[in-house]
Amino acid sequence: MSTVLDLSFTAPLREGDTPGGWTIGVMPDSGRLLGTRRPVKVAGEIDGHSFAATLLPMGDGTHMVPIKKALRATVGKSAGQDVTVRLLERLG
């Protein structure tokens, strides 16, 4: 089952401290906007390019969006640069 969403935010890309760690964007106020502090499967766009991921709760009412290396290369962005995330669908 999927649910239509239309939520957008802009966030800087952040890298983890460990080598090979994830690069993420953080969705502000996501717990309230999504109605949960649990993981949420989504689909949408990052800087206009399609993606699907699981938003992971950070314990403070926000969720992190892991952004794969291939997508970062496609949008030409790296840590410290802003990306615009548009969530269009909540999956399963």
PDB file of N, CA and C in Angstrom:
ATOM      1  N   MET A   1       0.845  -1.175   0.000  1.00  0.00           N
ATOM      2  CA  MET A   1       0.000   0.000   0.000  1.00  0.00           C
ATOM      3  C   MET A   1       0.893   1.241   0.000  1.00  0.00           C
ATOM      4  N   SER A   2       0.530   2.234  -0.784  1.00  0.00           N
ATOM      5  CA  SER A   2       1.289   3.484  -0.790  1.00  0.00           C
ATOM      6  C   SER A   2       0.332   4.647  -0.551  1.00  0.00           C
ATOM      7  N   THR A   3       0.896   5.736  -0.081  1.00  0.00           N
ATOM      8  CA  THR A   3       0.134   6.940   0.216  1.00  0.00           C
ATOM      9  C   THR A   3       0.801   8.105  -0.496  1.00  0.00           C
ATOM     10  N   VAL A   4      -0.004   8.928  -1.133  1.00  0.00           N
ATOM     11  CA  VAL A   4       0.528  10.098  -1.823  1.00  0.00           C
ATOM     12  C   VAL A   4       0.992  11.118  -0.788  1.00  0.00           C
ATOM     13  N   LEU A   5       2.181  11.641  -0.993  1.00  0.00           N
ATOM     14  CA  LEU A   5       2.748  12.715  -0.173  1.00  0.00           C
ATOM     15  C   LEU A   5       3.119  13.857  -1.103  1.00  0.00           C
ATOM     16  N   ASP A   6       3.332  15.002  -0.546  1.00  0.00           N
ATOM     17  CA  ASP A   6       3.972  16.088  -1.294  1.00  0.00           C
ATOM     18  C   ASP A   6       4.626  16.998  -0.268  1.00  0.00           C
ATOM     19  N   LEU A   7       5.783  16.557   0.212  1.00  0.00           N
ATOM     20  CA  LEU A   7       6.553  17.280   1.218  1.00  0.00           C
ATOM     21  C   LEU A   7       7.921  17.599   0.648  1.00  0.00           C
ATOM     22  N   SER A   8       8.368  18.834   0.798  1.00  0.00           N
ATOM     23  CA  SER A   8       9.684  19.227   0.305  1.00  0.00           C
ATOM     24  C   SER A   8      10.480  19.918   1.396  1.00  0.00           C
ATOM     25  N   PHE A   9      11.789  19.729   1.332  1.00  0.00           N
ATOM     26  CA  PHE A   9      12.694  20.435   2.233  1.00  0.00           C
ATOM     27  C   PHE A   9      14.062  20.511   1.595  1.00  0.00           C
ATOM     28  N   THR A  10      14.839  21.458   2.047  1.00  0.00           N
ATOM     29  CA  THR A  10      16.216  21.609   1.599  1.00  0.00           C
ATOM     30  C   THR A  10      17.115  21.409   2.804  1.00  0.00           C
ATOM     31  N   ALA A  11      18.178  20.630   2.615  1.00  0.00           N
ATOM     32  CA  ALA A  11      19.085  20.333   3.721  1.00  0.00           C
ATOM     33  C   ALA A  11      20.497  20.143   3.194  1.00  0.00           C
ATOM     34  N   PRO A  12      21.491  20.476   4.013  1.00  0.00           N
ATOM     35  CA  PRO A  12      22.871  20.196   3.602  1.00  0.00           C
ATOM     36  C   PRO A  12      23.168  18.704   3.735  1.00  0.00           C
ATOM     37  N   LEU A  13      23.978  18.189   2.838  1.00  0.00           N
ATOM     38  CA  LEU A  13      24.429  16.805   2.955  1.00  0.00           C
ATOM     39  C   LEU A  13      25.435  16.709   4.091  1.00  0.00           C
ATOM     40  N   ARG A  14      25.300  15.663   4.893  1.00  0.00           N
ATOM     41  CA  ARG A  14      26.210  15.429   6.016  1.00  0.00           C
ATOM     42  C   ARG A  14      26.802  14.039   5.888  1.00  0.00           C
ATOM     43  N   GLU A  15      28.106  13.930   6.173  1.00  0.00           N
ATOM     44  CA  GLU A  15      28.791  12.635   6.154  1.00  0.00           C
ATOM     45  C   GLU A  15      28.968  12.133   7.565  1.00  0.00           C
ATOM     46  N   GLY A  16      28.909  10.815   7.707  1.00  0.00           N
ATOM     47  CA  GLY A  16      29.205  10.210   8.987  1.00  0.00           C
ATOM     48  C   GLY A  16      30.688  10.319   9.304  1.00  0.00           C
ATOM     49  N   ASP A  17      31.041  10.082  10.557  1.00  0.00           N
ATOM     50  CA  ASP A  17      32.424  10.194  11.002  1.00  0.00           C
ATOM     51  C   ASP A  17      33.281   8.990  10.632  1.00  0.00           C
ATOM     52  N   THR A  18      32.642   7.864  10.304  1.00  0.00           N
ATOM     53  CA  THR A  18      33.406   6.658  10.012  1.00  0.00           C
ATOM     54  C   THR A  18      33.627   6.525   8.508  1.00  0.00           C
ATOM     55  N   PRO A  19      34.816   6.032   8.117  1.00  0.00           N
ATOM     56  CA  PRO A  19      35.084   5.827   6.691  1.00  0.00           C
ATOM     57  C   PRO A  19      34.036   4.895   6.084  1.00  0.00           C
ATOM     58  N   GLY A  20      33.527   5.266   4.921  1.00  0.00           N
ATOM     59  CA  GLY A  20      32.513   4.451   4.262  1.00  0.00           C
ATOM     60  C   GLY A  20      31.127   4.636   4.835  1.00  0.00           C
ATOM     61  N   GLY A  21      30.977   5.568   5.782  1.00  0.00           N
ATOM     62  CA  GLY A  21      29.674   5.823   6.393  1.00  0.00           C
ATOM     63  C   GLY A  21      28.716   6.487   5.418  1.00  0.00           C
ATOM     64  N   TRP A  22      27.480   6.581   5.832  1.00  0.00           N
ATOM     65  CA  TRP A  22      26.446   7.157   4.988  1.00  0.00           C
ATOM     66  C   TRP A  22      26.609   8.660   4.833  1.00  0.00           C
ATOM     67  N   THR A  23      26.084   9.147   3.727  1.00  0.00           N
ATOM     68  CA  THR A  23      25.885  10.578   3.527  1.00  0.00           C
ATOM     69  C   THR A  23      24.381  10.785   3.603  1.00  0.00           C
ATOM     70  N   ILE A  24      23.976  11.755   4.411  1.00  0.00           N
ATOM     71  CA  ILE A  24      22.547  11.927   4.692  1.00  0.00           C
ATOM     72  C   ILE A  24      22.114  13.380   4.552  1.00  0.00           C
ATOM     73  N   GLY A  25      20.818  13.556   4.439  1.00  0.00           N
ATOM     74  CA  GLY A  25      20.150  14.833   4.637  1.00  0.00           C
ATOM     75  C   GLY A  25      19.190  14.620   5.797  1.00  0.00           C
ATOM     76  N   VAL A  26      18.920  15.646   6.569  1.00  0.00           N
ATOM     77  CA  VAL A  26      18.021  15.507   7.711  1.00  0.00           C
ATOM     78  C   VAL A  26      16.743  16.285   7.437  1.00  0.00           C
ATOM     79  N   MET A  27      15.612  15.590   7.574  1.00  0.00           N
ATOM     80  CA  MET A  27      14.303  16.206   7.366  1.00  0.00           C
ATOM     81  C   MET A  27      13.822  16.809   8.673  1.00  0.00           C
ATOM     82  N   PRO A  28      13.734  18.140   8.744  1.00  0.00           N
ATOM     83  CA  PRO A  28      13.277  18.774   9.974  1.00  0.00           C
ATOM     84  C   PRO A  28      11.799  18.487  10.239  1.00  0.00           C
ATOM     85  N   ASP A  29      11.456  18.315  11.507  1.00  0.00           N
ATOM     86  CA  ASP A  29      10.072  18.147  11.951  1.00  0.00           C
ATOM     87  C   ASP A  29       9.368  16.961  11.294  1.00  0.00           C
ATOM     88  N   SER A  30      10.142  15.972  10.849  1.00  0.00           N
ATOM     89  CA  SER A  30       9.557  14.851  10.122  1.00  0.00           C
ATOM     90  C   SER A  30       8.641  13.993  10.983  1.00  0.00           C
ATOM     91  N   GLY A  31       8.937  13.856  12.262  1.00  0.00           N
ATOM     92  CA  GLY A  31       8.070  13.062  13.132  1.00  0.00           C
ATOM     93  C   GLY A  31       6.645  13.573  13.104  1.00  0.00           C
ATOM     94  N   ARG A  32       6.483  14.872  13.183  1.00  0.00           N
ATOM     95  CA  ARG A  32       5.147  15.471  13.147  1.00  0.00           C
ATOM     96  C   ARG A  32       4.550  15.390  11.743  1.00  0.00           C
ATOM     97  N   LEU A  33       5.349  15.733  10.720  1.00  0.00           N
ATOM     98  CA  LEU A  33       4.840  15.753   9.352  1.00  0.00           C
ATOM     99  C   LEU A  33       4.430  14.368   8.849  1.00  0.00           C
ATOM    100  N   LEU A  34       5.179  13.340   9.244  1.00  0.00           N
ATOM    101  CA  LEU A  34       4.886  11.975   8.800  1.00  0.00           C
ATOM    102  C   LEU A  34       4.007  11.212   9.781  1.00  0.00           C
ATOM    103  N   GLY A  35       3.842  11.766  10.979  1.00  0.00           N
ATOM    104  CA  GLY A  35       2.988  11.126  11.975  1.00  0.00           C
ATOM    105  C   GLY A  35       3.618   9.939  12.666  1.00  0.00           C
ATOM    106  N   THR A  36       4.950   9.835  12.607  1.00  0.00           N
ATOM    107  CA  THR A  36       5.628   8.712  13.252  1.00  0.00           C
ATOM    108  C   THR A  36       7.087   9.049  13.503  1.00  0.00           C
ATOM    109  N   ARG A  37       7.652   8.359  14.474  1.00  0.00           N
ATOM    110  CA  ARG A  37       9.101   8.437  14.725  1.00  0.00           C
ATOM    111  C   ARG A  37       9.753   7.096  14.393  1.00  0.00           C
ATOM    112  N   ARG A  38       9.099   6.324  13.572  1.00  0.00           N
ATOM    113  CA  ARG A  38       9.607   5.026  13.131  1.00  0.00           C
ATOM    114  C   ARG A  38      10.162   5.161  11.713  1.00  0.00           C
ATOM    115  N   PRO A  39      10.878   4.141  11.218  1.00  0.00           N
ATOM    116  CA  PRO A  39      11.344   4.177   9.834  1.00  0.00           C
ATOM    117  C   PRO A  39      10.168   4.289   8.860  1.00  0.00           C
ATOM    118  N   VAL A  40      10.380   5.019   7.768  1.00  0.00           N
ATOM    119  CA  VAL A  40       9.333   5.239   6.767  1.00  0.00           C
ATOM    120  C   VAL A  40       9.939   5.049   5.377  1.00  0.00           C
ATOM    121  N   LYS A  41       9.354   4.126   4.595  1.00  0.00           N
ATOM    122  CA  LYS A  41       9.791   3.929   3.212  1.00  0.00           C
ATOM    123  C   LYS A  41       9.127   4.984   2.336  1.00  0.00           C
ATOM    124  N   VAL A  42       9.945   5.631   1.501  1.00  0.00           N
ATOM    125  CA  VAL A  42       9.440   6.707   0.657  1.00  0.00           C
ATOM    126  C   VAL A  42      10.026   6.630  -0.748  1.00  0.00           C
ATOM    127  N   ALA A  43       9.382   7.360  -1.643  1.00  0.00           N
ATOM    128  CA  ALA A  43       9.907   7.589  -2.990  1.00  0.00           C
ATOM    129  C   ALA A  43       9.705   9.060  -3.292  1.00  0.00           C
ATOM    130  N   GLY A  44      10.559   9.593  -4.137  1.00  0.00           N
ATOM    131  CA  GLY A  44      10.442  10.998  -4.483  1.00  0.00           C
ATOM    132  C   GLY A  44      11.586  11.432  -5.368  1.00  0.00           C
ATOM    133  N   GLU A  45      12.034  12.670  -5.151  1.00  0.00           N
ATOM    134  CA  GLU A  45      13.096  13.251  -5.967  1.00  0.00           C
ATOM    135  C   GLU A  45      14.097  13.990  -5.086  1.00  0.00           C
ATOM    136  N   ILE A  46      15.338  13.914  -5.493  1.00  0.00           N
ATOM    137  CA  ILE A  46      16.396  14.725  -4.886  1.00  0.00           C
ATOM    138  C   ILE A  46      16.982  15.555  -6.022  1.00  0.00           C
ATOM    139  N   ASP A  47      16.867  16.862  -5.885  1.00  0.00           N
ATOM    140  CA  ASP A  47      17.300  17.781  -6.945  1.00  0.00           C
ATOM    141  C   ASP A  47      16.751  17.356  -8.303  1.00  0.00           C
ATOM    142  N   GLY A  48      15.483  16.897  -8.306  1.00  0.00           N
ATOM    143  CA  GLY A  48      14.807  16.536  -9.547  1.00  0.00           C
ATOM    144  C   GLY A  48      15.057  15.131 -10.057  1.00  0.00           C
ATOM    145  N   HIS A  49      15.853  14.320  -9.352  1.00  0.00           N
ATOM    146  CA  HIS A  49      16.156  12.951  -9.772  1.00  0.00           C
ATOM    147  C   HIS A  49      15.478  11.959  -8.840  1.00  0.00           C
ATOM    148  N   SER A  50      14.835  10.952  -9.413  1.00  0.00           N
ATOM    149  CA  SER A  50      14.067   9.970  -8.650  1.00  0.00           C
ATOM    150  C   SER A  50      14.935   9.186  -7.684  1.00  0.00           C
ATOM    151  N   PHE A  51      14.337   8.846  -6.545  1.00  0.00           N
ATOM    152  CA  PHE A  51      15.002   7.980  -5.569  1.00  0.00           C
ATOM    153  C   PHE A  51      13.939   7.275  -4.740  1.00  0.00           C
ATOM    154  N   ALA A  52      14.357   6.219  -4.086  1.00  0.00           N
ATOM    155  CA  ALA A  52      13.536   5.527  -3.091  1.00  0.00           C
ATOM    156  C   ALA A  52      14.471   5.191  -1.939  1.00  0.00           C
ATOM    157  N   ALA A  53      13.975   5.314  -0.718  1.00  0.00           N
ATOM    158  CA  ALA A  53      14.817   5.062   0.454  1.00  0.00           C
ATOM    159  C   ALA A  53      13.927   4.840   1.669  1.00  0.00           C
ATOM    160  N   THR A  54      14.559   4.445   2.742  1.00  0.00           N
ATOM    161  CA  THR A  54      13.882   4.376   4.026  1.00  0.00           C
ATOM    162  C   THR A  54      14.406   5.509   4.879  1.00  0.00           C
ATOM    163  N   LEU A  55      13.499   6.404   5.297  1.00  0.00           N
ATOM    164  CA  LEU A  55      13.867   7.472   6.219  1.00  0.00           C
ATOM    165  C   LEU A  55      14.053   6.847   7.584  1.00  0.00           C
ATOM    166  N   LEU A  56      15.156   7.158   8.240  1.00  0.00           N
ATOM    167  CA  LEU A  56      15.469   6.552   9.528  1.00  0.00           C
ATOM    168  C   LEU A  56      15.383   7.589  10.641  1.00  0.00           C
ATOM    169  N   PRO A  57      14.672   7.261  11.730  1.00  0.00           N
ATOM    170  CA  PRO A  57      14.524   8.219  12.822  1.00  0.00           C
ATOM    171  C   PRO A  57      15.848   8.468  13.524  1.00  0.00           C
ATOM    172  N   MET A  58      16.041   9.722  13.941  1.00  0.00           N
ATOM    173  CA  MET A  58      17.271  10.104  14.636  1.00  0.00           C
ATOM    174  C   MET A  58      17.052  10.272  16.141  1.00  0.00           C
ATOM    175  N   GLY A  59      15.812  10.071  16.618  1.00  0.00           N
ATOM    176  CA  GLY A  59      15.537  10.123  18.040  1.00  0.00           C
ATOM    177  C   GLY A  59      15.192  11.499  18.573  1.00  0.00           C
ATOM    178  N   ASP A  60      15.188  12.497  17.706  1.00  0.00           N
ATOM    179  CA  ASP A  60      14.904  13.862  18.151  1.00  0.00           C
ATOM    180  C   ASP A  60      13.729  14.480  17.391  1.00  0.00           C
ATOM    181  N   GLY A  61      12.911  13.626  16.763  1.00  0.00           N
ATOM    182  CA  GLY A  61      11.780  14.123  15.984  1.00  0.00           C
ATOM    183  C   GLY A  61      12.107  14.379  14.536  1.00  0.00           C
ATOM    184  N   THR A  62      13.345  14.059  14.126  1.00  0.00           N
ATOM    185  CA  THR A  62      13.749  14.194  12.733  1.00  0.00           C
ATOM    186  C   THR A  62      14.066  12.806  12.165  1.00  0.00           C
ATOM    187  N   HIS A  63      14.115  12.738  10.849  1.00  0.00           N
ATOM    188  CA  HIS A  63      14.527  11.515  10.152  1.00  0.00           C
ATOM    189  C   HIS A  63      15.701  11.851   9.245  1.00  0.00           C
ATOM    190  N   MET A  64      16.593  10.884   9.068  1.00  0.00           N
ATOM    191  CA  MET A  64      17.679  11.043   8.097  1.00  0.00           C
ATOM    192  C   MET A  64      17.292  10.367   6.796  1.00  0.00           C
ATOM    193  N   VAL A  65      17.728  10.988   5.704  1.00  0.00           N
ATOM    194  CA  VAL A  65      17.523  10.447   4.370  1.00  0.00           C
ATOM    195  C   VAL A  65      18.891  10.006   3.857  1.00  0.00           C
ATOM    196  N   PRO A  66      19.154   8.697   3.795  1.00  0.00           N
ATOM    197  CA  PRO A  66      20.437   8.266   3.240  1.00  0.00           C
ATOM    198  C   PRO A  66      20.456   8.506   1.724  1.00  0.00           C
ATOM    199  N   ILE A  67      21.553   9.086   1.242  1.00  0.00           N
ATOM    200  CA  ILE A  67      21.650   9.430  -0.179  1.00  0.00           C
ATOM    201  C   ILE A  67      22.854   8.708  -0.776  1.00  0.00           C
ATOM    202  N   LYS A  68      22.557   7.773  -1.668  1.00  0.00           N
ATOM    203  CA  LYS A  68      23.590   6.912  -2.235  1.00  0.00           C
ATOM    204  C   LYS A  68      24.589   7.699  -3.082  1.00  0.00           C
ATOM    205  N   LYS A  69      25.786   7.131  -3.155  1.00  0.00           N
ATOM    206  CA  LYS A  69      26.886   7.756  -3.897  1.00  0.00           C
ATOM    207  C   LYS A  69      26.518   8.026  -5.351  1.00  0.00           C
ATOM    208  N   ALA A  70      25.867   7.078  -6.001  1.00  0.00           N
ATOM    209  CA  ALA A  70      25.498   7.249  -7.413  1.00  0.00           C
ATOM    210  C   ALA A  70      24.553   8.438  -7.591  1.00  0.00           C
ATOM    211  N   LEU A  71      23.611   8.611  -6.677  1.00  0.00           N
ATOM    212  CA  LEU A  71      22.689   9.746  -6.778  1.00  0.00           C
ATOM    213  C   LEU A  71      23.413  11.055  -6.492  1.00  0.00           C
ATOM    214  N   ARG A  72      24.332  11.050  -5.526  1.00  0.00           N
ATOM    215  CA  ARG A  72      25.120  12.265  -5.263  1.00  0.00           C
ATOM    216  C   ARG A  72      25.922  12.655  -6.497  1.00  0.00           C
ATOM    217  N   ALA A  73      26.475  11.673  -7.190  1.00  0.00           N
ATOM    218  CA  ALA A  73      27.234  11.952  -8.409  1.00  0.00           C
ATOM    219  C   ALA A  73      26.313  12.499  -9.504  1.00  0.00           C
ATOM    220  N   THR A  74      25.121  11.940  -9.614  1.00  0.00           N
ATOM    221  CA  THR A  74      24.163  12.393 -10.623  1.00  0.00           C
ATOM    222  C   THR A  74      23.770  13.850 -10.406  1.00  0.00           C
ATOM    223  N   VAL A  75      23.546  14.227  -9.146  1.00  0.00           N
ATOM    224  CA  VAL A  75      23.140  15.612  -8.861  1.00  0.00           C
ATOM    225  C   VAL A  75      24.341  16.533  -8.677  1.00  0.00           C
ATOM    226  N   GLY A  76      25.546  15.965  -8.651  1.00  0.00           N
ATOM    227  CA  GLY A  76      26.763  16.764  -8.544  1.00  0.00           C
ATOM    228  C   GLY A  76      26.931  17.440  -7.201  1.00  0.00           C
ATOM    229  N   LYS A  77      26.558  16.743  -6.135  1.00  0.00           N
ATOM    230  CA  LYS A  77      26.627  17.329  -4.793  1.00  0.00           C
ATOM    231  C   LYS A  77      27.447  16.448  -3.862  1.00  0.00           C
ATOM    232  N   SER A  78      28.081  17.097  -2.879  1.00  0.00           N
ATOM    233  CA  SER A  78      28.854  16.380  -1.866  1.00  0.00           C
ATOM    234  C   SER A  78      28.568  17.000  -0.505  1.00  0.00           C
ATOM    235  N   ALA A  79      29.184  16.444   0.522  1.00  0.00           N
ATOM    236  CA  ALA A  79      28.948  16.904   1.887  1.00  0.00           C
ATOM    237  C   ALA A  79      29.101  18.421   1.993  1.00  0.00           C
ATOM    238  N   GLY A  80      28.174  19.038   2.712  1.00  0.00           N
ATOM    239  CA  GLY A  80      28.192  20.472   2.916  1.00  0.00           C
ATOM    240  C   GLY A  80      27.336  21.246   1.920  1.00  0.00           C
ATOM    241  N   GLN A  81      26.971  20.598   0.815  1.00  0.00           N
ATOM    242  CA  GLN A  81      26.138  21.261  -0.184  1.00  0.00           C
ATOM    243  C   GLN A  81      24.664  20.920   0.050  1.00  0.00           C
ATOM    244  N   ASP A  82      23.790  21.881  -0.249  1.00  0.00           N
ATOM    245  CA  ASP A  82      22.354  21.679  -0.065  1.00  0.00           C
ATOM    246  C   ASP A  82      21.757  20.855  -1.194  1.00  0.00           C
ATOM    247  N   VAL A  83      20.806  19.996  -0.832  1.00  0.00           N
ATOM    248  CA  VAL A  83      19.969  19.287  -1.793  1.00  0.00           C
ATOM    249  C   VAL A  83      18.519  19.600  -1.456  1.00  0.00           C
ATOM    250  N   THR A  84      17.675  19.558  -2.464  1.00  0.00           N
ATOM    251  CA  THR A  84      16.241  19.709  -2.254  1.00  0.00           C
ATOM    252  C   THR A  84      15.605  18.336  -2.403  1.00  0.00           C
ATOM    253  N   VAL A  85      14.915  17.925  -1.347  1.00  0.00           N
ATOM    254  CA  VAL A  85      14.266  16.603  -1.305  1.00  0.00           C
ATOM    255  C   VAL A  85      12.764  16.818  -1.399  1.00  0.00           C
ATOM    256  N   ARG A  86      12.150  16.095  -2.324  1.00  0.00           N
ATOM    257  CA  ARG A  86      10.688  16.127  -2.441  1.00  0.00           C
ATOM    258  C   ARG A  86      10.187  14.704  -2.265  1.00  0.00           C
ATOM    259  N   LEU A  87       9.390  14.500  -1.236  1.00  0.00           N
ATOM    260  CA  LEU A  87       8.810  13.192  -0.965  1.00  0.00           C
ATOM    261  C   LEU A  87       7.436  13.152  -1.614  1.00  0.00           C
ATOM    262  N   LEU A  88       7.235  12.170  -2.488  1.00  0.00           N
ATOM    263  CA  LEU A  88       5.998  12.085  -3.262  1.00  0.00           C
ATOM    264  C   LEU A  88       5.129  10.906  -2.869  1.00  0.00           C
ATOM    265  N   GLU A  89       5.727   9.878  -2.290  1.00  0.00           N
ATOM    266  CA  GLU A  89       4.964   8.666  -2.012  1.00  0.00           C
ATOM    267  C   GLU A  89       5.516   7.979  -0.766  1.00  0.00           C
ATOM    268  N   ARG A  90       4.612   7.541   0.083  1.00  0.00           N
ATOM    269  CA  ARG A  90       4.967   6.731   1.240  1.00  0.00           C
ATOM    270  C   ARG A  90       4.668   5.292   0.855  1.00  0.00           C
ATOM    271  N   LEU A  91       5.695   4.452   0.881  1.00  0.00           N
ATOM    272  CA  LEU A  91       5.580   3.077   0.402  1.00  0.00           C
ATOM    273  C   LEU A  91       5.306   2.109   1.548  1.00  0.00           C
ATOM    274  N   GLY A  92       4.593   1.033   1.198  1.00  0.00           N
ATOM    275  CA  GLY A  92       4.324  -0.085   2.077  1.00  0.00           C
ATOM    276  C   GLY A  92       4.170   0.260   3.465  1.00  0.00           C
TER     277      GLY A  92
END
